[in-house]
Amino acid sequence: MPKSLSHYSFNDDLTIRNYLALMTCIINPRMTQSKAVKLFEINCKGDKRRK
């Protein structure tokens, strides 16, 4: 019997988090890019902001 999807842990790959942030912006037009980046805890290269 196959294992359920909840059995597998969430893959914390940066590519998946970038994809989810992009989908969030597409689904919710009021979501800005910076809010989506903060929501999924993505640090942009060269970002000088503190957490």
N, C-alpha and C. Protein backbone atom coordinates (compact mmCIF):
# COMPACT_ATOMS: atom_id res chain seq x y z
N MET A 1 0.85 -1.18 0.00
CA MET A 1 0.00 0.00 0.00
C MET A 1 0.89 1.25 0.00
N PRO A 2 0.60 2.24 -0.86
CA PRO A 2 1.44 3.44 -0.91
C PRO A 2 1.28 4.28 0.35
N LYS A 3 2.33 4.99 0.67
CA LYS A 3 2.31 5.86 1.85
C LYS A 3 1.51 7.13 1.52
N SER A 4 0.91 7.71 2.54
CA SER A 4 0.13 8.93 2.33
C SER A 4 1.06 10.11 2.09
N LEU A 5 0.51 11.17 1.52
CA LEU A 5 1.30 12.36 1.25
C LEU A 5 1.79 13.00 2.54
N SER A 6 1.03 12.86 3.62
CA SER A 6 1.44 13.46 4.89
C SER A 6 2.63 12.73 5.50
N HIS A 7 2.91 11.52 5.01
CA HIS A 7 4.05 10.77 5.53
C HIS A 7 5.36 11.45 5.15
N TYR A 8 5.41 12.03 3.96
CA TYR A 8 6.64 12.66 3.48
C TYR A 8 6.75 14.07 4.04
N SER A 9 7.94 14.43 4.46
CA SER A 9 8.15 15.77 5.02
C SER A 9 8.18 16.80 3.89
N PHE A 10 7.90 18.05 4.23
CA PHE A 10 7.90 19.14 3.25
C PHE A 10 9.33 19.38 2.79
N ASN A 11 9.53 19.45 1.51
CA ASN A 11 10.85 19.71 0.94
C ASN A 11 11.13 21.20 1.06
N ASP A 12 12.16 21.55 1.80
CA ASP A 12 12.49 22.95 2.05
C ASP A 12 13.43 23.51 0.98
N ASP A 13 13.22 23.09 -0.24
CA ASP A 13 14.05 23.54 -1.34
C ASP A 13 13.67 24.97 -1.71
N LEU A 14 14.67 25.78 -1.96
CA LEU A 14 14.43 27.18 -2.29
C LEU A 14 13.60 27.33 -3.56
N THR A 15 13.75 26.41 -4.50
CA THR A 15 12.98 26.47 -5.74
C THR A 15 11.49 26.34 -5.46
N ILE A 16 11.12 25.45 -4.57
CA ILE A 16 9.71 25.26 -4.22
C ILE A 16 9.17 26.50 -3.52
N ARG A 17 9.95 27.08 -2.62
CA ARG A 17 9.49 28.29 -1.93
C ARG A 17 9.34 29.45 -2.91
N ASN A 18 10.25 29.57 -3.88
CA ASN A 18 10.11 30.60 -4.91
C ASN A 18 8.85 30.39 -5.73
N TYR A 19 8.58 29.14 -6.09
CA TYR A 19 7.38 28.81 -6.87
C TYR A 19 6.12 29.15 -6.07
N LEU A 20 6.09 28.81 -4.80
CA LEU A 20 4.92 29.11 -3.97
C LEU A 20 4.72 30.61 -3.82
N ALA A 21 5.81 31.37 -3.68
CA ALA A 21 5.69 32.83 -3.60
C ALA A 21 5.14 33.40 -4.90
N LEU A 22 5.59 32.88 -6.03
CA LEU A 22 5.07 33.32 -7.33
C LEU A 22 3.59 33.00 -7.46
N MET A 23 3.20 31.79 -7.09
CA MET A 23 1.79 31.39 -7.18
C MET A 23 0.92 32.24 -6.25
N THR A 24 1.45 32.61 -5.09
CA THR A 24 0.72 33.47 -4.17
C THR A 24 0.44 34.82 -4.81
N CYS A 25 1.43 35.38 -5.49
CA CYS A 25 1.25 36.67 -6.16
C CYS A 25 0.25 36.57 -7.32
N ILE A 26 0.24 35.45 -8.01
CA ILE A 26 -0.69 35.27 -9.13
C ILE A 26 -2.12 35.10 -8.62
N ILE A 27 -2.29 34.30 -7.59
CA ILE A 27 -3.63 34.02 -7.06
C ILE A 27 -4.20 35.24 -6.35
N ASN A 28 -3.36 35.96 -5.60
CA ASN A 28 -3.81 37.13 -4.86
C ASN A 28 -3.12 38.36 -5.45
N PRO A 29 -3.77 39.10 -6.34
CA PRO A 29 -3.14 40.24 -7.00
C PRO A 29 -2.73 41.36 -6.03
N ARG A 30 -3.33 41.42 -4.86
CA ARG A 30 -2.96 42.46 -3.90
C ARG A 30 -1.69 42.11 -3.13
N MET A 31 -1.22 40.89 -3.25
CA MET A 31 0.02 40.47 -2.58
C MET A 31 1.20 41.02 -3.36
N THR A 32 2.03 41.81 -2.69
CA THR A 32 3.22 42.34 -3.36
C THR A 32 4.34 41.31 -3.32
N GLN A 33 5.32 41.53 -4.17
CA GLN A 33 6.45 40.60 -4.22
C GLN A 33 7.19 40.57 -2.89
N SER A 34 7.38 41.73 -2.27
CA SER A 34 8.12 41.77 -1.01
C SER A 34 7.37 41.04 0.11
N LYS A 35 6.04 41.14 0.12
CA LYS A 35 5.26 40.42 1.14
C LYS A 35 5.35 38.91 0.92
N ALA A 36 5.31 38.48 -0.33
CA ALA A 36 5.41 37.05 -0.62
C ALA A 36 6.78 36.51 -0.24
N VAL A 37 7.82 37.30 -0.49
CA VAL A 37 9.17 36.88 -0.13
C VAL A 37 9.29 36.74 1.39
N LYS A 38 8.72 37.69 2.13
CA LYS A 38 8.75 37.60 3.60
C LYS A 38 7.92 36.43 4.10
N LEU A 39 6.78 36.19 3.47
CA LEU A 39 5.89 35.11 3.89
C LEU A 39 6.58 33.75 3.81
N PHE A 40 7.33 33.53 2.75
CA PHE A 40 8.00 32.24 2.56
C PHE A 40 9.46 32.26 3.00
N GLU A 41 9.86 33.33 3.71
CA GLU A 41 11.20 33.46 4.28
C GLU A 41 12.30 33.23 3.25
N ILE A 42 12.18 33.92 2.13
CA ILE A 42 13.18 33.83 1.07
C ILE A 42 14.08 35.05 1.19
N ASN A 43 15.37 34.82 1.30
CA ASN A 43 16.33 35.92 1.35
C ASN A 43 16.92 36.11 -0.04
N CYS A 44 16.73 37.31 -0.58
CA CYS A 44 17.28 37.62 -1.89
C CYS A 44 18.78 37.85 -1.77
N LYS A 45 19.51 37.51 -2.80
CA LYS A 45 20.95 37.70 -2.80
C LYS A 45 21.25 39.19 -2.71
N GLY A 46 22.09 39.57 -1.78
CA GLY A 46 22.45 40.97 -1.60
C GLY A 46 21.45 41.74 -0.76
N ASP A 47 20.48 41.07 -0.17
CA ASP A 47 19.48 41.74 0.66
C ASP A 47 20.12 42.15 1.97
N LYS A 48 20.05 43.44 2.29
CA LYS A 48 20.70 43.96 3.50
C LYS A 48 19.75 44.08 4.69
N ARG A 49 18.48 43.75 4.48
CA ARG A 49 17.51 43.87 5.57
C ARG A 49 17.77 42.81 6.64
N ARG A 50 17.52 43.18 7.87
CA ARG A 50 17.66 42.23 8.97
C ARG A 50 16.36 41.49 9.16
N LYS A 51 16.47 40.30 9.72
CA LYS A 51 15.26 39.51 9.98
C LYS A 51 14.58 39.98 11.23
